[in-house]
Amino acid sequence: MTKFTAFLKDESGATAIEYGLIAAATALGIVAFMPTIKTYLGSIFGSISAGLASVK
């Protein structure tokens, strides 16, 4: 019975699980905003490309 009680009190894996949940939430946030970032970066690089093309 003492081994079972010790097993229930052991929290050594809790930190790894918490870090895993934080990483998963961060990944979901990145995936959710990726279309917006893609559109914004596309317009920025398009204007840079047009500006460089007019310099020639």
PDB file of N, CA and C in Angstrom:
ATOM      1  N   MET A   1       0.809  -1.198   0.000  1.00  0.00           N
ATOM      2  CA  MET A   1       0.000   0.000   0.000  1.00  0.00           C
ATOM      3  C   MET A   1       0.854   1.263   0.000  1.00  0.00           C
ATOM      4  N   THR A   2       2.037   1.217   0.581  1.00  0.00           N
ATOM      5  CA  THR A   2       2.885   2.399   0.619  1.00  0.00           C
ATOM      6  C   THR A   2       3.430   2.728  -0.761  1.00  0.00           C
ATOM      7  N   LYS A   3       3.663   1.724  -1.600  1.00  0.00           N
ATOM      8  CA  LYS A   3       4.123   1.998  -2.961  1.00  0.00           C
ATOM      9  C   LYS A   3       3.031   2.707  -3.762  1.00  0.00           C
ATOM     10  N   PHE A   4       1.794   2.307  -3.544  1.00  0.00           N
ATOM     11  CA  PHE A   4       0.673   2.944  -4.235  1.00  0.00           C
ATOM     12  C   PHE A   4       0.513   4.390  -3.787  1.00  0.00           C
ATOM     13  N   THR A   5       0.642   4.637  -2.506  1.00  0.00           N
ATOM     14  CA  THR A   5       0.550   5.994  -1.969  1.00  0.00           C
ATOM     15  C   THR A   5       1.698   6.850  -2.500  1.00  0.00           C
ATOM     16  N   ALA A   6       2.882   6.283  -2.559  1.00  0.00           N
ATOM     17  CA  ALA A   6       4.027   7.017  -3.095  1.00  0.00           C
ATOM     18  C   ALA A   6       3.818   7.331  -4.577  1.00  0.00           C
ATOM     19  N   PHE A   7       3.232   6.389  -5.299  1.00  0.00           N
ATOM     20  CA  PHE A   7       2.943   6.612  -6.715  1.00  0.00           C
ATOM     21  C   PHE A   7       1.956   7.759  -6.901  1.00  0.00           C
ATOM     22  N   LEU A   8       0.939   7.839  -6.085  1.00  0.00           N
ATOM     23  CA  LEU A   8      -0.054   8.904  -6.192  1.00  0.00           C
ATOM     24  C   LEU A   8       0.523  10.265  -5.824  1.00  0.00           C
ATOM     25  N   LYS A   9       1.488  10.293  -4.920  1.00  0.00           N
ATOM     26  CA  LYS A   9       2.084  11.558  -4.507  1.00  0.00           C
ATOM     27  C   LYS A   9       3.195  12.018  -5.440  1.00  0.00           C
ATOM     28  N   ASP A  10       3.672  11.141  -6.308  1.00  0.00           N
ATOM     29  CA  ASP A  10       4.767  11.478  -7.226  1.00  0.00           C
ATOM     30  C   ASP A  10       4.264  12.443  -8.289  1.00  0.00           C
ATOM     31  N   GLU A  11       4.903  13.614  -8.390  1.00  0.00           N
ATOM     32  CA  GLU A  11       4.502  14.633  -9.359  1.00  0.00           C
ATOM     33  C   GLU A  11       5.616  14.935 -10.359  1.00  0.00           C
ATOM     34  N   SER A  12       6.521  14.014 -10.551  1.00  0.00           N
ATOM     35  CA  SER A  12       7.669  14.286 -11.413  1.00  0.00           C
ATOM     36  C   SER A  12       7.285  14.414 -12.881  1.00  0.00           C
ATOM     37  N   GLY A  13       6.245  13.760 -13.330  1.00  0.00           N
ATOM     38  CA  GLY A  13       5.836  13.865 -14.723  1.00  0.00           C
ATOM     39  C   GLY A  13       4.896  15.023 -14.997  1.00  0.00           C
ATOM     40  N   ALA A  14       4.434  15.691 -13.971  1.00  0.00           N
ATOM     41  CA  ALA A  14       3.469  16.779 -14.148  1.00  0.00           C
ATOM     42  C   ALA A  14       4.075  17.949 -14.917  1.00  0.00           C
ATOM     43  N   THR A  15       5.328  18.242 -14.688  1.00  0.00           N
ATOM     44  CA  THR A  15       5.973  19.356 -15.375  1.00  0.00           C
ATOM     45  C   THR A  15       6.074  19.084 -16.872  1.00  0.00           C
ATOM     46  N   ALA A  16       6.421  17.868 -17.238  1.00  0.00           N
ATOM     47  CA  ALA A  16       6.519  17.514 -18.654  1.00  0.00           C
ATOM     48  C   ALA A  16       5.159  17.639 -19.329  1.00  0.00           C
ATOM     49  N   ILE A  17       4.119  17.233 -18.664  1.00  0.00           N
ATOM     50  CA  ILE A  17       2.775  17.341 -19.227  1.00  0.00           C
ATOM     51  C   ILE A  17       2.382  18.805 -19.386  1.00  0.00           C
ATOM     52  N   GLU A  18       2.705  19.626 -18.420  1.00  0.00           N
ATOM     53  CA  GLU A  18       2.392  21.052 -18.504  1.00  0.00           C
ATOM     54  C   GLU A  18       3.131  21.708 -19.663  1.00  0.00           C
ATOM     55  N   TYR A  19       4.405  21.377 -19.831  1.00  0.00           N
ATOM     56  CA  TYR A  19       5.158  21.926 -20.960  1.00  0.00           C
ATOM     57  C   TYR A  19       4.575  21.452 -22.286  1.00  0.00           C
ATOM     58  N   GLY A  20       4.122  20.222 -22.335  1.00  0.00           N
ATOM     59  CA  GLY A  20       3.484  19.704 -23.540  1.00  0.00           C
ATOM     60  C   GLY A  20       2.200  20.450 -23.865  1.00  0.00           C
ATOM     61  N   LEU A  21       1.414  20.758 -22.858  1.00  0.00           N
ATOM     62  CA  LEU A  21       0.180  21.511 -23.076  1.00  0.00           C
ATOM     63  C   LEU A  21       0.473  22.940 -23.528  1.00  0.00           C
ATOM     64  N   ILE A  22       1.500  23.552 -22.981  1.00  0.00           N
ATOM     65  CA  ILE A  22       1.882  24.903 -23.411  1.00  0.00           C
ATOM     66  C   ILE A  22       2.340  24.884 -24.859  1.00  0.00           C
ATOM     67  N   ALA A  23       3.133  23.884 -25.232  1.00  0.00           N
ATOM     68  CA  ALA A  23       3.598  23.773 -26.618  1.00  0.00           C
ATOM     69  C   ALA A  23       2.434  23.540 -27.574  1.00  0.00           C
ATOM     70  N   ALA A  24       1.473  22.725 -27.177  1.00  0.00           N
ATOM     71  CA  ALA A  24       0.307  22.476 -28.019  1.00  0.00           C
ATOM     72  C   ALA A  24      -0.538  23.735 -28.184  1.00  0.00           C
ATOM     73  N   ALA A  25      -0.725  24.491 -27.124  1.00  0.00           N
ATOM     74  CA  ALA A  25      -1.502  25.731 -27.212  1.00  0.00           C
ATOM     75  C   ALA A  25      -0.791  26.759 -28.090  1.00  0.00           C
ATOM     76  N   THR A  26       0.529  26.825 -27.981  1.00  0.00           N
ATOM     77  CA  THR A  26       1.294  27.742 -28.824  1.00  0.00           C
ATOM     78  C   THR A  26       1.181  27.351 -30.290  1.00  0.00           C
ATOM     79  N   ALA A  27       1.285  26.069 -30.568  1.00  0.00           N
ATOM     80  CA  ALA A  27       1.165  25.590 -31.952  1.00  0.00           C
ATOM     81  C   ALA A  27      -0.216  25.884 -32.518  1.00  0.00           C
ATOM     82  N   LEU A  28      -1.250  25.700 -31.721  1.00  0.00           N
ATOM     83  CA  LEU A  28      -2.611  26.006 -32.194  1.00  0.00           C
ATOM     84  C   LEU A  28      -2.777  27.496 -32.481  1.00  0.00           C
ATOM     85  N   GLY A  29      -2.182  28.331 -31.648  1.00  0.00           N
ATOM     86  CA  GLY A  29      -2.241  29.770 -31.883  1.00  0.00           C
ATOM     87  C   GLY A  29      -1.531  30.161 -33.165  1.00  0.00           C
ATOM     88  N   ILE A  30      -0.389  29.556 -33.419  1.00  0.00           N
ATOM     89  CA  ILE A  30       0.350  29.854 -34.650  1.00  0.00           C
ATOM     90  C   ILE A  30      -0.439  29.403 -35.870  1.00  0.00           C
ATOM     91  N   VAL A  31      -1.001  28.217 -35.808  1.00  0.00           N
ATOM     92  CA  VAL A  31      -1.784  27.699 -36.935  1.00  0.00           C
ATOM     93  C   VAL A  31      -3.027  28.546 -37.172  1.00  0.00           C
ATOM     94  N   ALA A  32      -3.633  29.047 -36.121  1.00  0.00           N
ATOM     95  CA  ALA A  32      -4.847  29.852 -36.264  1.00  0.00           C
ATOM     96  C   ALA A  32      -4.568  31.192 -36.953  1.00  0.00           C
ATOM     97  N   PHE A  33      -3.407  31.793 -36.694  1.00  0.00           N
ATOM     98  CA  PHE A  33      -3.089  33.097 -37.265  1.00  0.00           C
ATOM     99  C   PHE A  33      -2.256  33.024 -38.535  1.00  0.00           C
ATOM    100  N   MET A  34      -1.919  31.820 -38.988  1.00  0.00           N
ATOM    101  CA  MET A  34      -1.073  31.684 -40.166  1.00  0.00           C
ATOM    102  C   MET A  34      -1.690  32.293 -41.431  1.00  0.00           C
ATOM    103  N   PRO A  35      -2.971  32.121 -41.722  1.00  0.00           N
ATOM    104  CA  PRO A  35      -3.518  32.757 -42.936  1.00  0.00           C
ATOM    105  C   PRO A  35      -3.416  34.279 -42.913  1.00  0.00           C
ATOM    106  N   THR A  36      -3.622  34.889 -41.771  1.00  0.00           N
ATOM    107  CA  THR A  36      -3.515  36.343 -41.657  1.00  0.00           C
ATOM    108  C   THR A  36      -2.072  36.793 -41.871  1.00  0.00           C
ATOM    109  N   ILE A  37      -1.155  36.076 -41.262  1.00  0.00           N
ATOM    110  CA  ILE A  37       0.264  36.413 -41.421  1.00  0.00           C
ATOM    111  C   ILE A  37       0.691  36.232 -42.869  1.00  0.00           C
ATOM    112  N   LYS A  38       0.203  35.167 -43.507  1.00  0.00           N
ATOM    113  CA  LYS A  38       0.558  34.900 -44.904  1.00  0.00           C
ATOM    114  C   LYS A  38       0.107  36.047 -45.802  1.00  0.00           C
ATOM    115  N   THR A  39      -1.106  36.510 -45.628  1.00  0.00           N
ATOM    116  CA  THR A  39      -1.628  37.603 -46.438  1.00  0.00           C
ATOM    117  C   THR A  39      -0.835  38.884 -46.194  1.00  0.00           C
ATOM    118  N   TYR A  40      -0.559  39.183 -44.938  1.00  0.00           N
ATOM    119  CA  TYR A  40       0.180  40.398 -44.582  1.00  0.00           C
ATOM    120  C   TYR A  40       1.600  40.366 -45.151  1.00  0.00           C
ATOM    121  N   LEU A  41       2.293  39.259 -44.979  1.00  0.00           N
ATOM    122  CA  LEU A  41       3.650  39.150 -45.504  1.00  0.00           C
ATOM    123  C   LEU A  41       3.666  39.179 -47.027  1.00  0.00           C
ATOM    124  N   GLY A  42       2.647  38.581 -47.651  1.00  0.00           N
ATOM    125  CA  GLY A  42       2.567  38.607 -49.108  1.00  0.00           C
ATOM    126  C   GLY A  42       2.444  40.020 -49.638  1.00  0.00           C
ATOM    127  N   SER A  43       1.644  40.835 -48.967  1.00  0.00           N
ATOM    128  CA  SER A  43       1.497  42.222 -49.419  1.00  0.00           C
ATOM    129  C   SER A  43       2.772  43.030 -49.177  1.00  0.00           C
ATOM    130  N   ILE A  44       3.443  42.770 -48.075  1.00  0.00           N
ATOM    131  CA  ILE A  44       4.697  43.482 -47.791  1.00  0.00           C
ATOM    132  C   ILE A  44       5.758  43.136 -48.832  1.00  0.00           C
ATOM    133  N   PHE A  45       5.945  41.842 -49.092  1.00  0.00           N
ATOM    134  CA  PHE A  45       6.963  41.442 -50.063  1.00  0.00           C
ATOM    135  C   PHE A  45       6.573  41.834 -51.479  1.00  0.00           C
ATOM    136  N   GLY A  46       5.282  41.894 -51.767  1.00  0.00           N
ATOM    137  CA  GLY A  46       4.838  42.368 -53.078  1.00  0.00           C
ATOM    138  C   GLY A  46       5.186  43.826 -53.299  1.00  0.00           C
ATOM    139  N   SER A  47       4.978  44.645 -52.268  1.00  0.00           N
ATOM    140  CA  SER A  47       5.321  46.058 -52.406  1.00  0.00           C
ATOM    141  C   SER A  47       6.833  46.271 -52.472  1.00  0.00           C
ATOM    142  N   ILE A  48       7.599  45.460 -51.754  1.00  0.00           N
ATOM    143  CA  ILE A  48       9.056  45.541 -51.844  1.00  0.00           C
ATOM    144  C   ILE A  48       9.516  45.146 -53.243  1.00  0.00           C
ATOM    145  N   SER A  49       8.932  44.078 -53.774  1.00  0.00           N
ATOM    146  CA  SER A  49       9.296  43.627 -55.121  1.00  0.00           C
ATOM    147  C   SER A  49       8.946  44.677 -56.174  1.00  0.00           C
ATOM    148  N   ALA A  50       7.792  45.294 -56.043  1.00  0.00           N
ATOM    149  CA  ALA A  50       7.401  46.339 -56.987  1.00  0.00           C
ATOM    150  C   ALA A  50       8.327  47.539 -56.876  1.00  0.00           C
ATOM    151  N   GLY A  51       8.723  47.887 -55.688  1.00  0.00           N
ATOM    152  CA  GLY A  51       9.647  48.996 -55.487  1.00  0.00           C
ATOM    153  C   GLY A  51      11.018  48.712 -56.083  1.00  0.00           C
ATOM    154  N   LEU A  52      11.491  47.497 -55.925  1.00  0.00           N
ATOM    155  CA  LEU A  52      12.785  47.140 -56.495  1.00  0.00           C
ATOM    156  C   LEU A  52      12.720  47.061 -58.030  1.00  0.00           C
ATOM    157  N   ALA A  53      11.591  46.640 -58.558  1.00  0.00           N
ATOM    158  CA  ALA A  53      11.445  46.532 -60.007  1.00  0.00           C
ATOM    159  C   ALA A  53      11.439  47.928 -60.641  1.00  0.00           C
ATOM    160  N   SER A  54      10.913  48.919 -59.931  1.00  0.00           N
ATOM    161  CA  SER A  54      10.855  50.277 -60.492  1.00  0.00           C
ATOM    162  C   SER A  54      12.210  50.976 -60.435  1.00  0.00           C
ATOM    163  N   VAL A  55      13.154  50.454 -59.644  1.00  0.00           N
ATOM    164  CA  VAL A  55      14.467  51.070 -59.524  1.00  0.00           C
ATOM    165  C   VAL A  55      15.317  50.770 -60.756  1.00  0.00           C
ATOM    166  N   LYS A  56      15.092  49.635 -61.406  1.00  0.00           N
ATOM    167  CA  LYS A  56      15.886  49.242 -62.563  1.00  0.00           C
ATOM    168  C   LYS A  56      15.831  50.310 -63.553  1.00  0.00           C
TER     169      LYS A  56
END
